[in-house]
Amino acid sequence: MENVIKNKSMVFAKRIVNLYKYLCDEKREFILSKQVLRCGTSIGANIAEAEYGISKKDFQAKMYIALKECAETLYWLELLYSSDYISETEYTSVKSDCEELRKILSSITKTIRMRNEEGGMRNENK
């Protein structure tokens, strides 16, 4: 079975690595680029870690961390754009991919939370 979120996060991480290289080589920008590299690649790393979580809570925690890293990545992308380090076209393209990941991760974490709440209600009704 194909793991959509894992595959999309890997493709996104590669885009972030390429963005980092571009920012360092072409724009000579080393601080903001390091921040976006860290959080942008951390999304997929946390998803990979969640896949081998030792419990449902561990899985949930890693997916929430991936979601938070996604939100942070969006922040750094916006800052890079508003500081004229990346063009509107570059920003829009990478932001779109990041937003797609954020929506998927948000859906996953919402589903987990709902299942946990339903499980808690079933246990209370016993």
N, C-alpha and C. Protein backbone atom coordinates (compact mmCIF):
# COMPACT_ATOMS: atom_id res chain seq x y z
N MET A 1 0.84 -1.19 0.00
CA MET A 1 0.00 0.00 0.00
C MET A 1 0.88 1.25 0.00
N GLU A 2 0.54 2.20 -0.81
CA GLU A 2 1.30 3.44 -0.91
C GLU A 2 0.98 4.35 0.27
N ASN A 3 2.01 4.91 0.88
CA ASN A 3 1.84 5.83 1.98
C ASN A 3 1.95 7.25 1.42
N VAL A 4 0.81 7.86 1.14
CA VAL A 4 0.75 9.16 0.47
C VAL A 4 1.49 10.24 1.25
N ILE A 5 1.23 10.34 2.54
CA ILE A 5 1.84 11.40 3.34
C ILE A 5 3.36 11.22 3.42
N LYS A 6 3.80 9.99 3.52
CA LYS A 6 5.25 9.73 3.57
C LYS A 6 5.91 10.13 2.25
N ASN A 7 5.30 9.75 1.14
CA ASN A 7 5.84 10.09 -0.18
C ASN A 7 5.83 11.60 -0.43
N LYS A 8 4.72 12.25 -0.11
CA LYS A 8 4.62 13.70 -0.32
C LYS A 8 5.61 14.46 0.56
N SER A 9 5.81 13.98 1.78
CA SER A 9 6.76 14.66 2.67
C SER A 9 8.19 14.50 2.18
N MET A 10 8.50 13.37 1.54
CA MET A 10 9.84 13.16 0.99
C MET A 10 10.08 14.09 -0.21
N VAL A 11 9.10 14.17 -1.08
CA VAL A 11 9.20 15.07 -2.23
C VAL A 11 9.35 16.51 -1.75
N PHE A 12 8.57 16.88 -0.73
CA PHE A 12 8.66 18.23 -0.19
C PHE A 12 10.03 18.49 0.43
N ALA A 13 10.55 17.53 1.17
CA ALA A 13 11.87 17.68 1.79
C ALA A 13 12.94 17.92 0.73
N LYS A 14 12.84 17.22 -0.39
CA LYS A 14 13.80 17.44 -1.47
C LYS A 14 13.70 18.86 -2.02
N ARG A 15 12.48 19.37 -2.14
CA ARG A 15 12.29 20.76 -2.59
C ARG A 15 12.93 21.73 -1.60
N ILE A 16 12.77 21.44 -0.33
CA ILE A 16 13.34 22.31 0.71
C ILE A 16 14.86 22.27 0.66
N VAL A 17 15.43 21.09 0.46
CA VAL A 17 16.89 20.98 0.33
C VAL A 17 17.37 21.80 -0.86
N ASN A 18 16.66 21.71 -1.97
CA ASN A 18 17.04 22.50 -3.15
C ASN A 18 16.87 24.00 -2.91
N LEU A 19 15.83 24.38 -2.18
CA LEU A 19 15.64 25.78 -1.82
C LEU A 19 16.80 26.25 -0.95
N TYR A 20 17.19 25.43 0.00
CA TYR A 20 18.33 25.76 0.88
C TYR A 20 19.61 25.98 0.07
N LYS A 21 19.87 25.07 -0.86
CA LYS A 21 21.06 25.21 -1.71
C LYS A 21 21.01 26.51 -2.51
N TYR A 22 19.85 26.80 -3.08
CA TYR A 22 19.66 28.03 -3.85
C TYR A 22 19.91 29.26 -2.99
N LEU A 23 19.31 29.28 -1.80
CA LEU A 23 19.46 30.44 -0.92
C LEU A 23 20.92 30.65 -0.50
N CYS A 24 21.62 29.57 -0.24
CA CYS A 24 23.03 29.68 0.15
C CYS A 24 23.91 30.07 -1.04
N ASP A 25 23.73 29.39 -2.15
CA ASP A 25 24.60 29.61 -3.31
C ASP A 25 24.31 30.91 -4.06
N GLU A 26 23.03 31.19 -4.29
CA GLU A 26 22.66 32.34 -5.12
C GLU A 26 22.41 33.61 -4.31
N LYS A 27 21.79 33.47 -3.17
CA LYS A 27 21.39 34.65 -2.38
C LYS A 27 22.35 34.93 -1.22
N ARG A 28 23.26 33.99 -0.96
CA ARG A 28 24.21 34.12 0.14
C ARG A 28 23.49 34.35 1.47
N GLU A 29 22.40 33.65 1.64
CA GLU A 29 21.60 33.76 2.85
C GLU A 29 21.78 32.45 3.64
N PHE A 30 22.23 32.53 4.88
CA PHE A 30 22.61 31.33 5.63
C PHE A 30 21.82 31.11 6.92
N ILE A 31 21.12 32.11 7.40
CA ILE A 31 20.41 31.97 8.68
C ILE A 31 18.97 31.49 8.46
N LEU A 32 18.20 32.24 7.71
CA LEU A 32 16.81 31.87 7.45
C LEU A 32 16.74 30.55 6.68
N SER A 33 17.68 30.37 5.77
CA SER A 33 17.69 29.15 4.96
C SER A 33 17.90 27.91 5.84
N LYS A 34 18.71 28.04 6.88
CA LYS A 34 18.95 26.92 7.80
C LYS A 34 17.68 26.60 8.59
N GLN A 35 16.94 27.63 8.95
CA GLN A 35 15.69 27.44 9.69
C GLN A 35 14.66 26.69 8.83
N VAL A 36 14.49 27.12 7.59
CA VAL A 36 13.52 26.46 6.71
C VAL A 36 13.98 25.05 6.38
N LEU A 37 15.28 24.83 6.28
CA LEU A 37 15.81 23.48 6.04
C LEU A 37 15.46 22.56 7.20
N ARG A 38 15.68 23.03 8.41
CA ARG A 38 15.43 22.20 9.60
C ARG A 38 13.97 21.80 9.72
N CYS A 39 13.08 22.77 9.67
CA CYS A 39 11.67 22.42 9.88
C CYS A 39 11.05 21.76 8.65
N GLY A 40 11.47 22.18 7.46
CA GLY A 40 10.91 21.60 6.24
C GLY A 40 11.26 20.13 6.05
N THR A 41 12.45 19.74 6.48
CA THR A 41 12.84 18.33 6.38
C THR A 41 12.38 17.53 7.60
N SER A 42 12.11 18.22 8.69
CA SER A 42 11.65 17.56 9.91
C SER A 42 10.25 16.99 9.77
N ILE A 43 9.47 17.56 8.88
CA ILE A 43 8.10 17.06 8.67
C ILE A 43 8.14 15.58 8.32
N GLY A 44 8.88 15.24 7.28
CA GLY A 44 8.97 13.84 6.85
C GLY A 44 9.66 12.95 7.86
N ALA A 45 10.65 13.51 8.56
CA ALA A 45 11.36 12.72 9.57
C ALA A 45 10.41 12.31 10.69
N ASN A 46 9.54 13.21 11.10
CA ASN A 46 8.58 12.87 12.15
C ASN A 46 7.51 11.91 11.67
N ILE A 47 7.13 12.03 10.41
CA ILE A 47 6.17 11.07 9.84
C ILE A 47 6.79 9.68 9.81
N ALA A 48 8.06 9.61 9.40
CA ALA A 48 8.76 8.32 9.37
C ALA A 48 8.87 7.73 10.77
N GLU A 49 9.15 8.59 11.74
CA GLU A 49 9.25 8.13 13.12
C GLU A 49 7.90 7.65 13.64
N ALA A 50 6.84 8.35 13.27
CA ALA A 50 5.49 7.97 13.71
C ALA A 50 5.11 6.58 13.21
N GLU A 51 5.57 6.28 12.01
CA GLU A 51 5.26 4.98 11.41
C GLU A 51 5.73 3.82 12.29
N TYR A 52 6.77 4.05 13.07
CA TYR A 52 7.31 3.01 13.94
C TYR A 52 7.13 3.35 15.41
N GLY A 53 6.10 4.13 15.70
CA GLY A 53 5.82 4.50 17.08
C GLY A 53 5.55 3.27 17.94
N ILE A 54 5.92 3.39 19.20
CA ILE A 54 5.76 2.24 20.10
C ILE A 54 4.34 2.12 20.65
N SER A 55 3.54 3.16 20.43
CA SER A 55 2.15 3.14 20.88
C SER A 55 1.33 4.09 20.01
N LYS A 56 0.02 4.04 20.20
CA LYS A 56 -0.85 4.96 19.48
C LYS A 56 -0.57 6.39 19.91
N LYS A 57 -0.28 6.59 21.20
CA LYS A 57 0.04 7.93 21.69
C LYS A 57 1.34 8.44 21.07
N ASP A 58 2.30 7.56 20.92
CA ASP A 58 3.58 7.94 20.29
C ASP A 58 3.35 8.35 18.84
N PHE A 59 2.55 7.54 18.13
CA PHE A 59 2.20 7.86 16.74
C PHE A 59 1.54 9.23 16.67
N GLN A 60 0.56 9.45 17.53
CA GLN A 60 -0.17 10.71 17.56
C GLN A 60 0.77 11.88 17.85
N ALA A 61 1.64 11.74 18.81
CA ALA A 61 2.57 12.81 19.18
C ALA A 61 3.48 13.17 18.01
N LYS A 62 4.00 12.19 17.30
CA LYS A 62 4.89 12.45 16.16
C LYS A 62 4.15 13.12 15.02
N MET A 63 2.90 12.73 14.79
CA MET A 63 2.13 13.36 13.73
C MET A 63 1.80 14.81 14.08
N TYR A 64 1.54 15.08 15.35
CA TYR A 64 1.32 16.46 15.77
C TYR A 64 2.60 17.29 15.61
N ILE A 65 3.74 16.70 15.92
CA ILE A 65 5.01 17.41 15.75
C ILE A 65 5.22 17.72 14.27
N ALA A 66 4.92 16.76 13.40
CA ALA A 66 5.03 16.99 11.95
C ALA A 66 4.13 18.14 11.52
N LEU A 67 2.92 18.20 12.07
CA LEU A 67 1.99 19.28 11.76
C LEU A 67 2.55 20.63 12.23
N LYS A 68 3.13 20.66 13.42
CA LYS A 68 3.72 21.90 13.94
C LYS A 68 4.92 22.33 13.10
N GLU A 69 5.72 21.37 12.66
CA GLU A 69 6.88 21.69 11.80
C GLU A 69 6.40 22.26 10.47
N CYS A 70 5.28 21.77 10.00
CA CYS A 70 4.69 22.26 8.76
C CYS A 70 4.28 23.72 8.93
N ALA A 71 3.65 24.04 10.04
CA ALA A 71 3.24 25.42 10.32
C ALA A 71 4.47 26.32 10.42
N GLU A 72 5.52 25.84 11.05
CA GLU A 72 6.75 26.62 11.15
C GLU A 72 7.38 26.85 9.77
N THR A 73 7.35 25.83 8.95
CA THR A 73 7.88 25.96 7.60
C THR A 73 7.14 27.04 6.82
N LEU A 74 5.83 27.07 6.97
CA LEU A 74 5.04 28.12 6.31
C LEU A 74 5.47 29.51 6.78
N TYR A 75 5.77 29.64 8.05
CA TYR A 75 6.23 30.91 8.59
C TYR A 75 7.54 31.35 7.92
N TRP A 76 8.52 30.44 7.88
CA TRP A 76 9.83 30.78 7.29
C TRP A 76 9.71 31.07 5.81
N LEU A 77 8.84 30.33 5.10
CA LEU A 77 8.64 30.60 3.68
C LEU A 77 8.07 32.00 3.47
N GLU A 78 7.10 32.37 4.29
CA GLU A 78 6.52 33.71 4.18
C GLU A 78 7.57 34.78 4.47
N LEU A 79 8.40 34.54 5.47
CA LEU A 79 9.45 35.50 5.80
C LEU A 79 10.47 35.63 4.67
N LEU A 80 10.85 34.50 4.09
CA LEU A 80 11.79 34.54 2.96
C LEU A 80 11.20 35.32 1.79
N TYR A 81 9.91 35.12 1.55
CA TYR A 81 9.25 35.83 0.45
C TYR A 81 9.14 37.33 0.77
N SER A 82 8.68 37.66 1.96
CA SER A 82 8.48 39.07 2.31
C SER A 82 9.80 39.82 2.45
N SER A 83 10.90 39.07 2.59
CA SER A 83 12.23 39.68 2.67
C SER A 83 12.94 39.67 1.31
N ASP A 84 12.21 39.29 0.28
CA ASP A 84 12.71 39.28 -1.10
C ASP A 84 13.85 38.29 -1.36
N TYR A 85 13.87 37.20 -0.61
CA TYR A 85 14.85 36.15 -0.89
C TYR A 85 14.33 35.16 -1.92
N ILE A 86 13.01 35.01 -1.98
CA ILE A 86 12.41 34.15 -3.01
C ILE A 86 11.32 34.94 -3.72
N SER A 87 11.10 34.59 -4.98
CA SER A 87 10.11 35.28 -5.80
C SER A 87 8.69 34.83 -5.42
N GLU A 88 7.72 35.56 -5.90
CA GLU A 88 6.33 35.20 -5.65
C GLU A 88 6.02 33.83 -6.24
N THR A 89 6.56 33.54 -7.42
CA THR A 89 6.33 32.25 -8.07
C THR A 89 6.92 31.11 -7.23
N GLU A 90 8.14 31.29 -6.76
CA GLU A 90 8.79 30.27 -5.92
C GLU A 90 8.01 30.08 -4.62
N TYR A 91 7.66 31.19 -4.01
CA TYR A 91 6.91 31.15 -2.75
C TYR A 91 5.58 30.43 -2.92
N THR A 92 4.83 30.82 -3.93
CA THR A 92 3.51 30.24 -4.16
C THR A 92 3.59 28.73 -4.38
N SER A 93 4.59 28.31 -5.15
CA SER A 93 4.75 26.89 -5.47
C SER A 93 5.09 26.06 -4.23
N VAL A 94 6.09 26.50 -3.47
CA VAL A 94 6.52 25.74 -2.29
C VAL A 94 5.45 25.82 -1.20
N LYS A 95 4.85 26.99 -1.05
CA LYS A 95 3.79 27.16 -0.04
C LYS A 95 2.62 26.23 -0.35
N SER A 96 2.27 26.09 -1.61
CA SER A 96 1.17 25.22 -2.00
C SER A 96 1.44 23.77 -1.58
N ASP A 97 2.65 23.30 -1.81
CA ASP A 97 3.02 21.94 -1.40
C ASP A 97 2.97 21.79 0.12
N CYS A 98 3.44 22.81 0.82
CA CYS A 98 3.44 22.78 2.28
C CYS A 98 2.02 22.80 2.82
N GLU A 99 1.16 23.61 2.23
CA GLU A 99 -0.25 23.66 2.63
C GLU A 99 -0.94 22.31 2.41
N GLU A 100 -0.59 21.65 1.32
CA GLU A 100 -1.17 20.33 1.06
C GLU A 100 -0.77 19.35 2.17
N LEU A 101 0.49 19.36 2.54
CA LEU A 101 0.95 18.51 3.65
C LEU A 101 0.22 18.88 4.94
N ARG A 102 0.10 20.17 5.20
CA ARG A 102 -0.56 20.63 6.42
C ARG A 102 -2.00 20.13 6.49
N LYS A 103 -2.70 20.19 5.37
CA LYS A 103 -4.10 19.74 5.34
C LYS A 103 -4.19 18.24 5.60
N ILE A 104 -3.30 17.47 5.00
CA ILE A 104 -3.31 16.01 5.21
C ILE A 104 -3.00 15.69 6.67
N LEU A 105 -1.96 16.34 7.20
CA LEU A 105 -1.58 16.10 8.60
C LEU A 105 -2.68 16.55 9.55
N SER A 106 -3.33 17.65 9.25
CA SER A 106 -4.44 18.13 10.07
C SER A 106 -5.58 17.11 10.08
N SER A 107 -5.86 16.54 8.92
CA SER A 107 -6.91 15.53 8.82
C SER A 107 -6.53 14.27 9.61
N ILE A 108 -5.28 13.86 9.50
CA ILE A 108 -4.81 12.67 10.23
C ILE A 108 -4.93 12.90 11.74
N THR A 109 -4.44 14.04 12.20
CA THR A 109 -4.47 14.30 13.65
C THR A 109 -5.90 14.46 14.16
N LYS A 110 -6.77 15.05 13.35
CA LYS A 110 -8.18 15.19 13.74
C LYS A 110 -8.84 13.81 13.84
N THR A 111 -8.56 12.94 12.89
CA THR A 111 -9.11 11.59 12.91
C THR A 111 -8.63 10.83 14.15
N ILE A 112 -7.35 10.95 14.46
CA ILE A 112 -6.80 10.29 15.65
C ILE A 112 -7.51 10.79 16.91
N ARG A 113 -7.65 12.11 17.01
CA ARG A 113 -8.29 12.72 18.18
C ARG A 113 -9.73 12.23 18.32
N MET A 114 -10.46 12.18 17.21
CA MET A 114 -11.85 11.72 17.24
C MET A 114 -11.94 10.26 17.67
N ARG A 115 -11.04 9.44 17.16
CA ARG A 115 -11.04 8.01 17.54
C ARG A 115 -10.73 7.85 19.02
N ASN A 116 -9.80 8.65 19.51
CA ASN A 116 -9.46 8.59 20.93
C ASN A 116 -10.64 9.00 21.80
N GLU A 117 -11.35 10.06 21.37
CA GLU A 117 -12.51 10.52 22.12
C GLU A 117 -13.62 9.48 22.09
N GLU A 118 -13.83 8.85 20.92
CA GLU A 118 -14.86 7.79 20.81
C GLU A 118 -14.49 6.61 21.70
N GLY A 119 -13.23 6.25 21.72
CA GLY A 119 -12.77 5.14 22.56
C GLY A 119 -12.98 5.44 24.02
N GLY A 120 -12.75 6.69 24.40
CA GLY A 120 -12.95 7.11 25.78
C GLY A 120 -14.42 7.05 26.17
N MET A 121 -15.30 7.43 25.25
CA MET A 121 -16.74 7.39 25.51
C MET A 121 -17.22 5.95 25.65
N ARG A 122 -16.71 5.07 24.81
CA ARG A 122 -17.11 3.66 24.89
C ARG A 122 -16.70 3.09 26.24
N ASN A 123 -15.51 3.42 26.68
CA ASN A 123 -15.03 2.91 27.97
C ASN A 123 -15.85 3.47 29.13
N GLU A 124 -16.32 4.73 29.02
CA GLU A 124 -17.11 5.33 30.07
C GLU A 124 -18.50 4.69 30.12
N ASN A 125 -19.02 4.20 29.01
CA ASN A 125 -20.36 3.62 28.96
C ASN A 125 -20.40 2.17 29.44
N LYS A 126 -19.26 1.60 29.74
CA LYS A 126 -19.22 0.20 30.17
C LYS A 126 -19.51 0.09 31.65
